[in-house]
Amino acid sequence: MNIFLFEYATCGAFRELEPSITVEGLAMFKTLLEGFNSPENHIQVSTFIDKRIDAFQGYPRIESGTQNDLFSKYLDDSDLFLGTAPESDFELYNMTKEAERHSTVNLGSSSNAVKITSDKYETYKKLKKIRRPKTEVFNVRTSLDFPVVAKPRTGVSGEGIFLIKNETDLISARNLNNYLLQEYIKGKPCSASLLIGDEPKILSINTQEIDGFAYKGAKIPAKIPLKPGDYEPLYQAAEKIKGLFGYIGIDFVYEDSGDISIIEINARPTTPIIAFKDVYGFNISKLIIDNYYKENIPGFTAKRTERTVVRTVAIKKGLQTEKIKGHVSFKGHSIILEEIDEDIDI
């Protein structure tokens, strides 16, 4: 059995590699690669690596921007495919659409589901009757109460998002193109990691550590008092988008009131997967394959520390130093995994 594993930055992005975002892609790729290469999977991984990336020796190196020359060939030569790319400029959609033209099995969501979830406004319209922030297309006016969040219709890692505090700020932003305005929801930014098969299954609830609106990491598991019944909006959101499959992430705000407000859906692997083995002990790559073959996916709970509280791992994006060895690094930027001492008992 052969799988073609592709991650946009790792495997030859056309654009310049922005280090603080590229390092997230490298970390996810590393986790999936190691997981698929685990002996328990009995699977061979095929991939290629951008020459700008020093890691992952042993795989063919390619020049930046030439991945399309190999992409089709690798799809044709593989039994399975798992790819991830940014939603920006519909990169993830275009990649998925191309994969569907080949006979290889896509372990992820359909191109139709990816197209919807790549556009935050289309996602908003699909999530009718589910709690989510009021959203409208930017046109230099708004019916929303200030402050409002301005964000690109497509984007990743908080790129281009900022707060508009009043009418003056709104007028100053009049030249924005392809932007949305969204109701500002007070609460804790979080994400849910789900596996979608015959039945959706929540694997983990994670915090999102945000600086301004830029994604800086996560804590896994999140320290929020959710009961099993509180997860229903997450399941409902996944069911609203037909064609979601395999691993997906749902961003939400855990409001001060205790409610969940859905922000967006990522139809692809997301950054929290890199801590799952440390926190829960499972191989996410194996679960993705088992999910496709309709194997039973067991429930998982976080490991316990010596103090018998749930182990919590922080994923941090930061600068590499001599004292800090990152899980993965690129041009001085690192993803760091750090066990933290928090009394989480869930």
C-alpha atoms as a PDB file:
ATOM      1  CA  MET A   1       0.000   0.000   0.000  1.00  0.00           C
ATOM      2  CA  ASN A   2       1.335   3.396  -1.033  1.00  0.00           C
ATOM      3  CA  ILE A   3       0.272   6.885   0.072  1.00  0.00           C
ATOM      4  CA  PHE A   4       1.180  10.209  -1.504  1.00  0.00           C
ATOM      5  CA  LEU A   5       1.569  12.776   1.293  1.00  0.00           C
ATOM      6  CA  PHE A   6       1.585  16.414   0.214  1.00  0.00           C
ATOM      7  CA  GLU A   7       1.820  19.622   2.247  1.00  0.00           C
ATOM      8  CA  TYR A   8       1.803  22.902   0.346  1.00  0.00           C
ATOM      9  CA  ALA A   9       4.846  24.620   1.876  1.00  0.00           C
ATOM     10  CA  THR A  10       6.917  21.489   2.426  1.00  0.00           C
ATOM     11  CA  CYS A  11       6.384  20.127  -1.071  1.00  0.00           C
ATOM     12  CA  GLY A  12       7.014  23.162  -3.264  1.00  0.00           C
ATOM     13  CA  ALA A  13       4.861  26.262  -2.750  1.00  0.00           C
ATOM     14  CA  PHE A  14       4.775  28.752  -5.613  1.00  0.00           C
ATOM     15  CA  ARG A  15       4.823  31.682  -3.209  1.00  0.00           C
ATOM     16  CA  GLU A  16       7.608  32.930  -0.966  1.00  0.00           C
ATOM     17  CA  LEU A  17       7.773  30.861   2.220  1.00  0.00           C
ATOM     18  CA  GLU A  18       6.826  33.088   5.158  1.00  0.00           C
ATOM     19  CA  PRO A  19       8.714  31.433   8.047  1.00  0.00           C
ATOM     20  CA  SER A  20       6.153  31.836  10.858  1.00  0.00           C
ATOM     21  CA  ILE A  21       3.452  30.164   8.735  1.00  0.00           C
ATOM     22  CA  THR A  22       5.668  27.691   6.866  1.00  0.00           C
ATOM     23  CA  VAL A  23       6.845  26.191  10.148  1.00  0.00           C
ATOM     24  CA  GLU A  24       3.257  25.126  10.944  1.00  0.00           C
ATOM     25  CA  GLY A  25       3.055  23.248   7.668  1.00  0.00           C
ATOM     26  CA  LEU A  26       6.396  21.562   8.307  1.00  0.00           C
ATOM     27  CA  ALA A  27       5.264  20.471  11.771  1.00  0.00           C
ATOM     28  CA  MET A  28       2.042  18.935  10.456  1.00  0.00           C
ATOM     29  CA  PHE A  29       3.905  17.233   7.617  1.00  0.00           C
ATOM     30  CA  LYS A  30       6.458  15.792  10.052  1.00  0.00           C
ATOM     31  CA  THR A  31       3.709  14.396  12.291  1.00  0.00           C
ATOM     32  CA  LEU A  32       1.809  12.800   9.404  1.00  0.00           C
ATOM     33  CA  LEU A  33       4.981  11.458   7.767  1.00  0.00           C
ATOM     34  CA  GLU A  34       6.218   9.819  10.969  1.00  0.00           C
ATOM     35  CA  GLY A  35       2.736   8.458  11.617  1.00  0.00           C
ATOM     36  CA  PHE A  36       2.336   6.892   8.193  1.00  0.00           C
ATOM     37  CA  ASN A  37       5.890   5.485   8.367  1.00  0.00           C
ATOM     38  CA  SER A  38       5.094   3.751  11.657  1.00  0.00           C
ATOM     39  CA  PRO A  39       5.387  -0.066  11.322  1.00  0.00           C
ATOM     40  CA  GLU A  40       1.791  -0.502  12.507  1.00  0.00           C
ATOM     41  CA  ASN A  41       0.530   1.014   9.239  1.00  0.00           C
ATOM     42  CA  HIS A  42       2.308  -1.299   6.752  1.00  0.00           C
ATOM     43  CA  ILE A  43       2.345   1.564   4.266  1.00  0.00           C
ATOM     44  CA  GLN A  44       4.922   3.234   2.055  1.00  0.00           C
ATOM     45  CA  VAL A  45       5.010   7.030   1.818  1.00  0.00           C
ATOM     46  CA  SER A  46       5.727   8.823  -1.446  1.00  0.00           C
ATOM     47  CA  THR A  47       6.455  12.551  -1.452  1.00  0.00           C
ATOM     48  CA  PHE A  48       8.891  15.218  -2.600  1.00  0.00           C
ATOM     49  CA  ILE A  49      10.428  18.146  -0.737  1.00  0.00           C
ATOM     50  CA  ASP A  50      11.044  21.779  -1.707  1.00  0.00           C
ATOM     51  CA  LYS A  51      14.794  22.454  -2.007  1.00  0.00           C
ATOM     52  CA  ARG A  52      14.338  25.425   0.340  1.00  0.00           C
ATOM     53  CA  ILE A  53      13.508  22.958   3.127  1.00  0.00           C
ATOM     54  CA  ASP A  54      16.473  21.302   4.865  1.00  0.00           C
ATOM     55  CA  ALA A  55      14.423  18.705   6.759  1.00  0.00           C
ATOM     56  CA  PHE A  56      13.111  15.332   5.526  1.00  0.00           C
ATOM     57  CA  GLN A  57      16.255  14.080   3.844  1.00  0.00           C
ATOM     58  CA  GLY A  58      15.845  10.897   1.831  1.00  0.00           C
ATOM     59  CA  TYR A  59      13.012  12.169  -0.351  1.00  0.00           C
ATOM     60  CA  PRO A  60      13.407  13.781  -3.816  1.00  0.00           C
ATOM     61  CA  ARG A  61      14.114  17.535  -3.760  1.00  0.00           C
ATOM     62  CA  ILE A  62      12.387  19.866  -6.224  1.00  0.00           C
ATOM     63  CA  GLU A  63      12.769  23.464  -7.305  1.00  0.00           C
ATOM     64  CA  SER A  64      10.268  25.947  -5.875  1.00  0.00           C
ATOM     65  CA  GLY A  65       7.105  26.187  -7.932  1.00  0.00           C
ATOM     66  CA  THR A  66       7.627  23.024  -9.969  1.00  0.00           C
ATOM     67  CA  GLN A  67       5.426  20.695  -7.941  1.00  0.00           C
ATOM     68  CA  ASN A  68       2.714  20.567 -10.602  1.00  0.00           C
ATOM     69  CA  ASP A  69       5.084  18.631 -12.858  1.00  0.00           C
ATOM     70  CA  LEU A  70       5.211  15.814 -10.311  1.00  0.00           C
ATOM     71  CA  PHE A  71       1.851  16.116  -8.578  1.00  0.00           C
ATOM     72  CA  SER A  72      -0.142  14.220 -11.229  1.00  0.00           C
ATOM     73  CA  LYS A  73       2.495  11.505 -11.565  1.00  0.00           C
ATOM     74  CA  TYR A  74       2.580  10.856  -7.825  1.00  0.00           C
ATOM     75  CA  LEU A  75      -1.225  10.710  -7.734  1.00  0.00           C
ATOM     76  CA  ASP A  76      -1.252   8.161 -10.551  1.00  0.00           C
ATOM     77  CA  ASP A  77       1.387   6.037  -8.827  1.00  0.00           C
ATOM     78  CA  SER A  78      -0.260   6.020  -5.369  1.00  0.00           C
ATOM     79  CA  ASP A  79      -3.119   4.066  -3.803  1.00  0.00           C
ATOM     80  CA  LEU A  80      -3.996   6.764  -1.259  1.00  0.00           C
ATOM     81  CA  PHE A  81      -3.580  10.533  -1.056  1.00  0.00           C
ATOM     82  CA  LEU A  82      -3.605  13.006   1.805  1.00  0.00           C
ATOM     83  CA  GLY A  83      -2.917  16.652   1.079  1.00  0.00           C
ATOM     84  CA  THR A  84      -3.065  19.911   2.924  1.00  0.00           C
ATOM     85  CA  ALA A  85      -2.718  23.484   1.706  1.00  0.00           C
ATOM     86  CA  PRO A  86      -3.855  26.962   2.764  1.00  0.00           C
ATOM     87  CA  GLU A  87      -7.369  28.096   1.941  1.00  0.00           C
ATOM     88  CA  SER A  88      -5.909  31.376   0.624  1.00  0.00           C
ATOM     89  CA  ASP A  89      -6.492  31.819  -3.120  1.00  0.00           C
ATOM     90  CA  PHE A  90      -8.347  28.484  -3.004  1.00  0.00           C
ATOM     91  CA  GLU A  91      -5.062  26.567  -2.966  1.00  0.00           C
ATOM     92  CA  LEU A  92      -6.617  23.713  -0.958  1.00  0.00           C
ATOM     93  CA  TYR A  93      -9.610  23.543  -3.304  1.00  0.00           C
ATOM     94  CA  ASN A  94      -7.464  23.501  -6.455  1.00  0.00           C
ATOM     95  CA  MET A  95      -5.259  20.769  -5.000  1.00  0.00           C
ATOM     96  CA  THR A  96      -8.264  18.644  -4.042  1.00  0.00           C
ATOM     97  CA  LYS A  97      -9.962  19.181  -7.402  1.00  0.00           C
ATOM     98  CA  GLU A  98      -6.847  17.965  -9.191  1.00  0.00           C
ATOM     99  CA  ALA A  99      -6.615  14.908  -6.935  1.00  0.00           C
ATOM    100  CA  GLU A 100     -10.187  13.970  -7.822  1.00  0.00           C
ATOM    101  CA  ARG A 101      -9.221  13.696 -11.485  1.00  0.00           C
ATOM    102  CA  HIS A 102      -7.093  10.653 -10.640  1.00  0.00           C
ATOM    103  CA  SER A 103      -7.928   7.163  -9.433  1.00  0.00           C
ATOM    104  CA  THR A 104      -6.079   7.474  -6.126  1.00  0.00           C
ATOM    105  CA  VAL A 105      -8.225   7.515  -2.984  1.00  0.00           C
ATOM    106  CA  ASN A 106      -8.471  10.927  -1.295  1.00  0.00           C
ATOM    107  CA  LEU A 107      -8.418  10.478   2.485  1.00  0.00           C
ATOM    108  CA  GLY A 108      -9.703  14.026   2.966  1.00  0.00           C
ATOM    109  CA  SER A 109     -12.811  16.036   2.144  1.00  0.00           C
ATOM    110  CA  SER A 110     -14.366  16.444  -1.291  1.00  0.00           C
ATOM    111  CA  SER A 111     -13.502  19.454  -3.436  1.00  0.00           C
ATOM    112  CA  ASN A 112     -17.066  20.727  -3.050  1.00  0.00           C
ATOM    113  CA  ALA A 113     -16.768  20.741   0.746  1.00  0.00           C
ATOM    114  CA  VAL A 114     -13.324  22.346   0.512  1.00  0.00           C
ATOM    115  CA  LYS A 115     -14.640  25.071  -1.802  1.00  0.00           C
ATOM    116  CA  ILE A 116     -17.358  25.991   0.694  1.00  0.00           C
ATOM    117  CA  THR A 117     -15.138  25.926   3.776  1.00  0.00           C
ATOM    118  CA  SER A 118     -12.389  27.902   2.006  1.00  0.00           C
ATOM    119  CA  ASP A 119     -14.824  30.819   1.687  1.00  0.00           C
ATOM    120  CA  LYS A 120     -15.763  32.049   5.151  1.00  0.00           C
ATOM    121  CA  TYR A 121     -18.931  33.717   3.905  1.00  0.00           C
ATOM    122  CA  GLU A 122     -20.152  30.589   2.112  1.00  0.00           C
ATOM    123  CA  THR A 123     -19.454  28.650   5.303  1.00  0.00           C
ATOM    124  CA  TYR A 124     -21.438  31.199   7.313  1.00  0.00           C
ATOM    125  CA  LYS A 125     -24.436  30.814   5.003  1.00  0.00           C
ATOM    126  CA  LYS A 126     -24.355  27.029   5.318  1.00  0.00           C
ATOM    127  CA  LEU A 127     -24.393  27.158   9.118  1.00  0.00           C
ATOM    128  CA  LYS A 128     -27.957  28.416   9.409  1.00  0.00           C
ATOM    129  CA  LYS A 129     -29.638  27.842  12.791  1.00  0.00           C
ATOM    130  CA  ILE A 130     -26.244  27.219  14.391  1.00  0.00           C
ATOM    131  CA  ARG A 131     -24.839  29.830  16.755  1.00  0.00           C
ATOM    132  CA  ARG A 132     -22.223  31.876  14.889  1.00  0.00           C
ATOM    133  CA  PRO A 133     -21.211  35.537  14.675  1.00  0.00           C
ATOM    134  CA  LYS A 134     -23.299  37.734  12.408  1.00  0.00           C
ATOM    135  CA  THR A 135     -21.341  38.221   9.197  1.00  0.00           C
ATOM    136  CA  GLU A 136     -21.672  40.416   6.124  1.00  0.00           C
ATOM    137  CA  VAL A 137     -19.674  41.207   3.019  1.00  0.00           C
ATOM    138  CA  PHE A 138     -17.645  44.402   3.444  1.00  0.00           C
ATOM    139  CA  ASN A 139     -19.022  47.390   1.509  1.00  0.00           C
ATOM    140  CA  VAL A 140     -17.896  50.384   3.667  1.00  0.00           C
ATOM    141  CA  ARG A 141     -21.148  50.182   5.632  1.00  0.00           C
ATOM    142  CA  THR A 142     -22.292  47.846   8.326  1.00  0.00           C
ATOM    143  CA  SER A 143     -25.430  46.939  10.229  1.00  0.00           C
ATOM    144  CA  LEU A 144     -23.299  45.362  12.962  1.00  0.00           C
ATOM    145  CA  ASP A 145     -22.500  46.977  16.286  1.00  0.00           C
ATOM    146  CA  PHE A 146     -18.911  48.124  16.831  1.00  0.00           C
ATOM    147  CA  PRO A 147     -16.357  46.777  17.345  1.00  0.00           C
ATOM    148  CA  VAL A 148     -16.400  44.434  14.343  1.00  0.00           C
ATOM    149  CA  VAL A 149     -13.807  42.021  13.014  1.00  0.00           C
ATOM    150  CA  ALA A 150     -12.569  42.533   9.449  1.00  0.00           C
ATOM    151  CA  LYS A 151     -11.218  39.385   7.801  1.00  0.00           C
ATOM    152  CA  PRO A 152     -10.437  38.083   4.310  1.00  0.00           C
ATOM    153  CA  ARG A 153     -13.024  35.722   2.836  1.00  0.00           C
ATOM    154  CA  THR A 154     -10.187  33.224   2.367  1.00  0.00           C
ATOM    155  CA  GLY A 155      -7.130  33.038   4.587  1.00  0.00           C
ATOM    156  CA  VAL A 156      -5.151  31.086   7.147  1.00  0.00           C
ATOM    157  CA  SER A 157      -3.479  31.578  10.570  1.00  0.00           C
ATOM    158  CA  GLY A 158      -5.220  34.905  11.163  1.00  0.00           C
ATOM    159  CA  GLU A 159      -3.645  36.574   8.111  1.00  0.00           C
ATOM    160  CA  GLY A 160      -5.092  40.015   7.391  1.00  0.00           C
ATOM    161  CA  ILE A 161      -7.582  40.047  10.299  1.00  0.00           C
ATOM    162  CA  PHE A 162      -8.009  43.225  12.350  1.00  0.00           C
ATOM    163  CA  LEU A 163     -10.502  44.998  14.586  1.00  0.00           C
ATOM    164  CA  ILE A 164     -12.602  47.969  13.431  1.00  0.00           C
ATOM    165  CA  LYS A 165     -13.570  49.932  16.526  1.00  0.00           C
ATOM    166  CA  ASN A 166     -15.784  52.680  15.135  1.00  0.00           C
ATOM    167  CA  GLU A 167     -17.197  54.420  12.061  1.00  0.00           C
ATOM    168  CA  THR A 168     -13.963  56.323  11.459  1.00  0.00           C
ATOM    169  CA  ASP A 169     -11.983  53.055  11.310  1.00  0.00           C
ATOM    170  CA  LEU A 170     -14.584  51.647   8.943  1.00  0.00           C
ATOM    171  CA  ILE A 171     -14.277  54.559   6.530  1.00  0.00           C
ATOM    172  CA  SER A 172     -10.474  54.330   6.667  1.00  0.00           C
ATOM    173  CA  ALA A 173     -10.717  50.689   5.582  1.00  0.00           C
ATOM    174  CA  ARG A 174     -12.766  51.508   2.485  1.00  0.00           C
ATOM    175  CA  ASN A 175     -10.190  50.069   0.052  1.00  0.00           C
ATOM    176  CA  LEU A 176     -10.452  46.515   1.355  1.00  0.00           C
ATOM    177  CA  ASN A 177     -11.258  43.941  -1.307  1.00  0.00           C
ATOM    178  CA  ASN A 178     -12.843  40.523  -0.774  1.00  0.00           C
ATOM    179  CA  TYR A 179     -13.292  41.115   2.959  1.00  0.00           C
ATOM    180  CA  LEU A 180     -15.978  40.281   5.489  1.00  0.00           C
ATOM    181  CA  LEU A 181     -17.155  42.102   8.586  1.00  0.00           C
ATOM    182  CA  GLN A 182     -18.025  39.886  11.511  1.00  0.00           C
ATOM    183  CA  GLU A 183     -19.605  40.409  14.898  1.00  0.00           C
ATOM    184  CA  TYR A 184     -16.995  40.444  17.664  1.00  0.00           C
ATOM    185  CA  ILE A 185     -17.677  37.601  20.096  1.00  0.00           C
ATOM    186  CA  LYS A 186     -16.177  37.778  23.575  1.00  0.00           C
ATOM    187  CA  GLY A 187     -14.772  34.555  24.940  1.00  0.00           C
ATOM    188  CA  LYS A 188     -11.981  32.013  24.606  1.00  0.00           C
ATOM    189  CA  PRO A 189     -10.824  31.130  21.075  1.00  0.00           C
ATOM    190  CA  CYS A 190     -10.786  27.351  20.699  1.00  0.00           C
ATOM    191  CA  SER A 191     -10.754  24.623  18.103  1.00  0.00           C
ATOM    192  CA  ALA A 192     -12.179  21.141  17.852  1.00  0.00           C
ATOM    193  CA  SER A 193     -10.384  18.308  16.064  1.00  0.00           C
ATOM    194  CA  LEU A 194     -12.847  15.903  14.463  1.00  0.00           C
ATOM    195  CA  LEU A 195     -12.656  12.711  12.449  1.00  0.00           C
ATOM    196  CA  ILE A 196     -15.531  12.475   9.973  1.00  0.00           C
ATOM    197  CA  GLY A 197     -16.599   9.049   8.726  1.00  0.00           C
ATOM    198  CA  ASP A 198     -19.860   7.179   9.092  1.00  0.00           C
ATOM    199  CA  GLU A 199     -20.292   9.184  12.281  1.00  0.00           C
ATOM    200  CA  PRO A 200     -18.358  12.314  13.320  1.00  0.00           C
ATOM    201  CA  LYS A 201     -16.052  11.847  16.288  1.00  0.00           C
ATOM    202  CA  ILE A 202     -14.413  14.585  18.344  1.00  0.00           C
ATOM    203  CA  LEU A 203     -10.787  13.712  19.023  1.00  0.00           C
ATOM    204  CA  SER A 204      -9.734  16.797  20.981  1.00  0.00           C
ATOM    205  CA  ILE A 205     -10.791  20.255  22.134  1.00  0.00           C
ATOM    206  CA  ASN A 206      -7.909  22.740  21.995  1.00  0.00           C
ATOM    207  CA  THR A 207      -7.333  26.352  22.885  1.00  0.00           C
ATOM    208  CA  GLN A 208      -6.164  28.806  20.263  1.00  0.00           C
ATOM    209  CA  GLU A 209      -3.486  31.098  21.608  1.00  0.00           C
ATOM    210  CA  ILE A 210      -3.976  34.375  19.760  1.00  0.00           C
ATOM    211  CA  ASP A 211      -1.824  37.515  19.703  1.00  0.00           C
ATOM    212  CA  GLY A 212      -4.000  40.221  18.203  1.00  0.00           C
ATOM    213  CA  PHE A 213      -5.618  37.924  15.664  1.00  0.00           C
ATOM    214  CA  ALA A 214      -2.470  35.997  14.721  1.00  0.00           C
ATOM    215  CA  TYR A 215      -2.343  32.319  15.632  1.00  0.00           C
ATOM    216  CA  LYS A 216       0.538  31.628  18.024  1.00  0.00           C
ATOM    217  CA  GLY A 217      -0.194  28.091  19.146  1.00  0.00           C
ATOM    218  CA  ALA A 218      -2.514  26.002  21.268  1.00  0.00           C
ATOM    219  CA  LYS A 219      -2.959  24.212  24.565  1.00  0.00           C
ATOM    220  CA  ILE A 220      -4.166  20.635  24.371  1.00  0.00           C
ATOM    221  CA  PRO A 221      -6.578  19.757  25.844  1.00  0.00           C
ATOM    222  CA  ALA A 222      -8.443  23.014  26.437  1.00  0.00           C
ATOM    223  CA  LYS A 223      -9.357  23.882  29.998  1.00  0.00           C
ATOM    224  CA  ILE A 224     -13.023  24.688  29.420  1.00  0.00           C
ATOM    225  CA  PRO A 225     -15.973  23.039  31.223  1.00  0.00           C
ATOM    226  CA  LEU A 226     -17.725  21.425  28.245  1.00  0.00           C
ATOM    227  CA  LYS A 227     -20.103  18.541  28.895  1.00  0.00           C
ATOM    228  CA  PRO A 228     -20.910  15.933  26.209  1.00  0.00           C
ATOM    229  CA  GLY A 229     -24.173  17.678  25.294  1.00  0.00           C
ATOM    230  CA  ASP A 230     -22.341  20.963  24.722  1.00  0.00           C
ATOM    231  CA  TYR A 231     -20.572  19.475  21.696  1.00  0.00           C
ATOM    232  CA  GLU A 232     -23.758  19.305  19.633  1.00  0.00           C
ATOM    233  CA  PRO A 233     -23.116  22.576  17.695  1.00  0.00           C
ATOM    234  CA  LEU A 234     -19.789  21.134  16.529  1.00  0.00           C
ATOM    235  CA  TYR A 235     -21.431  17.989  15.194  1.00  0.00           C
ATOM    236  CA  GLN A 236     -24.204  20.029  13.591  1.00  0.00           C
ATOM    237  CA  ALA A 237     -21.682  22.301  11.870  1.00  0.00           C
ATOM    238  CA  ALA A 238     -19.836  19.297  10.402  1.00  0.00           C
ATOM    239  CA  GLU A 239     -23.106  17.822   9.130  1.00  0.00           C
ATOM    240  CA  LYS A 240     -24.103  21.063   7.381  1.00  0.00           C
ATOM    241  CA  ILE A 241     -21.221  20.816   4.889  1.00  0.00           C
ATOM    242  CA  LYS A 242     -21.757  17.809   2.658  1.00  0.00           C
ATOM    243  CA  GLY A 243     -18.564  16.059   1.609  1.00  0.00           C
ATOM    244  CA  LEU A 244     -16.489  16.680   4.718  1.00  0.00           C
ATOM    245  CA  PHE A 245     -14.441  13.585   5.431  1.00  0.00           C
ATOM    246  CA  GLY A 246     -11.429  12.469   7.422  1.00  0.00           C
ATOM    247  CA  TYR A 247      -9.708  14.919   9.735  1.00  0.00           C
ATOM    248  CA  ILE A 248     -11.182  18.426   9.990  1.00  0.00           C
ATOM    249  CA  GLY A 249     -10.824  21.318  12.428  1.00  0.00           C
ATOM    250  CA  ILE A 250     -13.595  23.617  13.612  1.00  0.00           C
ATOM    251  CA  ASP A 251     -12.667  26.999  15.087  1.00  0.00           C
ATOM    252  CA  PHE A 252     -15.082  28.320  17.687  1.00  0.00           C
ATOM    253  CA  VAL A 253     -15.357  30.774  20.546  1.00  0.00           C
ATOM    254  CA  TYR A 254     -16.262  29.458  23.977  1.00  0.00           C
ATOM    255  CA  GLU A 255     -18.320  32.428  25.059  1.00  0.00           C
ATOM    256  CA  ASP A 256     -18.404  33.906  28.545  1.00  0.00           C
ATOM    257  CA  SER A 257     -22.003  32.645  28.718  1.00  0.00           C
ATOM    258  CA  GLY A 258     -20.855  29.052  28.197  1.00  0.00           C
ATOM    259  CA  ASP A 259     -22.214  28.849  24.644  1.00  0.00           C
ATOM    260  CA  ILE A 260     -20.239  27.751  21.595  1.00  0.00           C
ATOM    261  CA  SER A 261     -20.117  30.122  18.602  1.00  0.00           C
ATOM    262  CA  ILE A 262     -18.783  28.540  15.381  1.00  0.00           C
ATOM    263  CA  ILE A 263     -16.244  30.691  13.523  1.00  0.00           C
ATOM    264  CA  GLU A 264     -14.995  28.582  10.612  1.00  0.00           C
ATOM    265  CA  ILE A 265     -14.252  25.052   9.410  1.00  0.00           C
ATOM    266  CA  ASN A 266     -10.878  23.800   8.143  1.00  0.00           C
ATOM    267  CA  ALA A 267     -11.340  20.792   5.835  1.00  0.00           C
ATOM    268  CA  ARG A 268      -7.750  19.582   6.338  1.00  0.00           C
ATOM    269  CA  PRO A 269      -5.244  18.615   9.048  1.00  0.00           C
ATOM    270  CA  THR A 270      -4.625  21.438  11.534  1.00  0.00           C
ATOM    271  CA  THR A 271      -1.744  22.323  13.850  1.00  0.00           C
ATOM    272  CA  PRO A 272      -3.009  20.549  17.041  1.00  0.00           C
ATOM    273  CA  ILE A 273      -2.299  17.140  15.469  1.00  0.00           C
ATOM    274  CA  ILE A 274       1.388  17.546  16.284  1.00  0.00           C
ATOM    275  CA  ALA A 275       0.685  17.175  20.034  1.00  0.00           C
ATOM    276  CA  PHE A 276      -1.825  14.314  19.934  1.00  0.00           C
ATOM    277  CA  LYS A 277       0.697  11.530  20.441  1.00  0.00           C
ATOM    278  CA  ASP A 278       2.173  13.283  23.489  1.00  0.00           C
ATOM    279  CA  VAL A 279      -1.226  14.100  24.992  1.00  0.00           C
ATOM    280  CA  TYR A 280      -3.414  11.135  24.034  1.00  0.00           C
ATOM    281  CA  GLY A 281      -0.968   8.498  22.814  1.00  0.00           C
ATOM    282  CA  PHE A 282      -2.600   7.903  19.429  1.00  0.00           C
ATOM    283  CA  ASN A 283      -1.167   7.997  15.919  1.00  0.00           C
ATOM    284  CA  ILE A 284      -3.306  10.472  13.939  1.00  0.00           C
ATOM    285  CA  SER A 285      -2.088   9.076  10.610  1.00  0.00           C
ATOM    286  CA  LYS A 286      -3.284   5.582  11.547  1.00  0.00           C
ATOM    287  CA  LEU A 287      -6.654   6.969  12.652  1.00  0.00           C
ATOM    288  CA  ILE A 288      -7.086   8.713   9.295  1.00  0.00           C
ATOM    289  CA  ILE A 289      -6.463   5.422   7.471  1.00  0.00           C
ATOM    290  CA  ASP A 290      -8.644   3.426   9.884  1.00  0.00           C
ATOM    291  CA  ASN A 291     -11.414   5.967   9.383  1.00  0.00           C
ATOM    292  CA  TYR A 292     -11.350   5.427   5.607  1.00  0.00           C
ATOM    293  CA  TYR A 293     -11.510   1.644   6.022  1.00  0.00           C
ATOM    294  CA  LYS A 294     -14.362   2.025   8.536  1.00  0.00           C
ATOM    295  CA  GLU A 295     -12.402   0.532  11.385  1.00  0.00           C
ATOM    296  CA  ASN A 296     -13.634   1.176  14.902  1.00  0.00           C
ATOM    297  CA  ILE A 297     -12.169   4.419  16.283  1.00  0.00           C
ATOM    298  CA  PRO A 298     -11.878   4.083  20.060  1.00  0.00           C
ATOM    299  CA  GLY A 299     -12.359   6.888  22.518  1.00  0.00           C
ATOM    300  CA  PHE A 300      -9.249   8.594  23.862  1.00  0.00           C
ATOM    301  CA  THR A 301      -8.501  10.446  27.059  1.00  0.00           C
ATOM    302  CA  ALA A 302      -5.464  12.535  27.869  1.00  0.00           C
ATOM    303  CA  LYS A 303      -2.620  10.905  29.770  1.00  0.00           C
ATOM    304  CA  ARG A 304      -2.211  11.631  33.455  1.00  0.00           C
ATOM    305  CA  THR A 305       0.798  13.219  35.093  1.00  0.00           C
ATOM    306  CA  GLU A 306       2.387  12.102  38.349  1.00  0.00           C
ATOM    307  CA  ARG A 307      -0.011  14.495  40.104  1.00  0.00           C
ATOM    308  CA  THR A 308      -2.912  12.531  38.496  1.00  0.00           C
ATOM    309  CA  VAL A 309      -4.135  15.529  36.529  1.00  0.00           C
ATOM    310  CA  VAL A 310      -4.534  15.562  32.786  1.00  0.00           C
ATOM    311  CA  ARG A 311      -1.306  16.158  30.869  1.00  0.00           C
ATOM    312  CA  THR A 312      -1.424  19.444  28.991  1.00  0.00           C
ATOM    313  CA  VAL A 313       0.893  20.210  26.092  1.00  0.00           C
ATOM    314  CA  ALA A 314       1.398  23.702  24.727  1.00  0.00           C
ATOM    315  CA  ILE A 315       2.221  24.203  21.074  1.00  0.00           C
ATOM    316  CA  LYS A 316       4.148  27.449  20.714  1.00  0.00           C
ATOM    317  CA  LYS A 317       5.322  29.337  17.678  1.00  0.00           C
ATOM    318  CA  GLY A 318       8.521  31.207  18.422  1.00  0.00           C
ATOM    319  CA  LEU A 319      12.076  32.004  17.474  1.00  0.00           C
ATOM    320  CA  GLN A 320      14.716  29.276  17.610  1.00  0.00           C
ATOM    321  CA  THR A 321      17.506  29.889  20.118  1.00  0.00           C
ATOM    322  CA  GLU A 322      20.482  27.894  21.364  1.00  0.00           C
ATOM    323  CA  LYS A 323      18.534  27.072  24.524  1.00  0.00           C
ATOM    324  CA  ILE A 324      15.322  26.086  22.733  1.00  0.00           C
ATOM    325  CA  LYS A 325      15.251  23.111  20.401  1.00  0.00           C
ATOM    326  CA  GLY A 326      12.101  23.217  18.350  1.00  0.00           C
ATOM    327  CA  HIS A 327       9.971  20.273  17.278  1.00  0.00           C
ATOM    328  CA  VAL A 328      10.615  21.628  13.790  1.00  0.00           C
ATOM    329  CA  SER A 329      12.287  24.847  12.612  1.00  0.00           C
ATOM    330  CA  PHE A 330      12.572  26.994   9.508  1.00  0.00           C
ATOM    331  CA  LYS A 331      14.695  30.119   9.075  1.00  0.00           C
ATOM    332  CA  GLY A 332      14.905  30.780  12.797  1.00  0.00           C
ATOM    333  CA  HIS A 333      11.227  30.109  13.515  1.00  0.00           C
ATOM    334  CA  SER A 334      10.199  27.055  15.505  1.00  0.00           C
ATOM    335  CA  ILE A 335       7.235  25.032  16.636  1.00  0.00           C
ATOM    336  CA  ILE A 336       7.904  24.115  20.251  1.00  0.00           C
ATOM    337  CA  LEU A 337       6.110  21.420  22.252  1.00  0.00           C
ATOM    338  CA  GLU A 338       6.148  22.006  25.980  1.00  0.00           C
ATOM    339  CA  GLU A 339       4.381  20.134  28.743  1.00  0.00           C
ATOM    340  CA  ILE A 340       2.822  22.670  31.068  1.00  0.00           C
ATOM    341  CA  ASP A 341       1.696  22.375  34.659  1.00  0.00           C
ATOM    342  CA  GLU A 342      -2.022  23.160  34.660  1.00  0.00           C
ATOM    343  CA  ASP A 343      -4.600  21.513  36.888  1.00  0.00           C
ATOM    344  CA  ILE A 344      -6.907  20.256  34.174  1.00  0.00           C
ATOM    345  CA  ASP A 345      -9.187  17.412  35.241  1.00  0.00           C
ATOM    346  CA  ILE A 346     -11.732  16.661  32.540  1.00  0.00           C
END
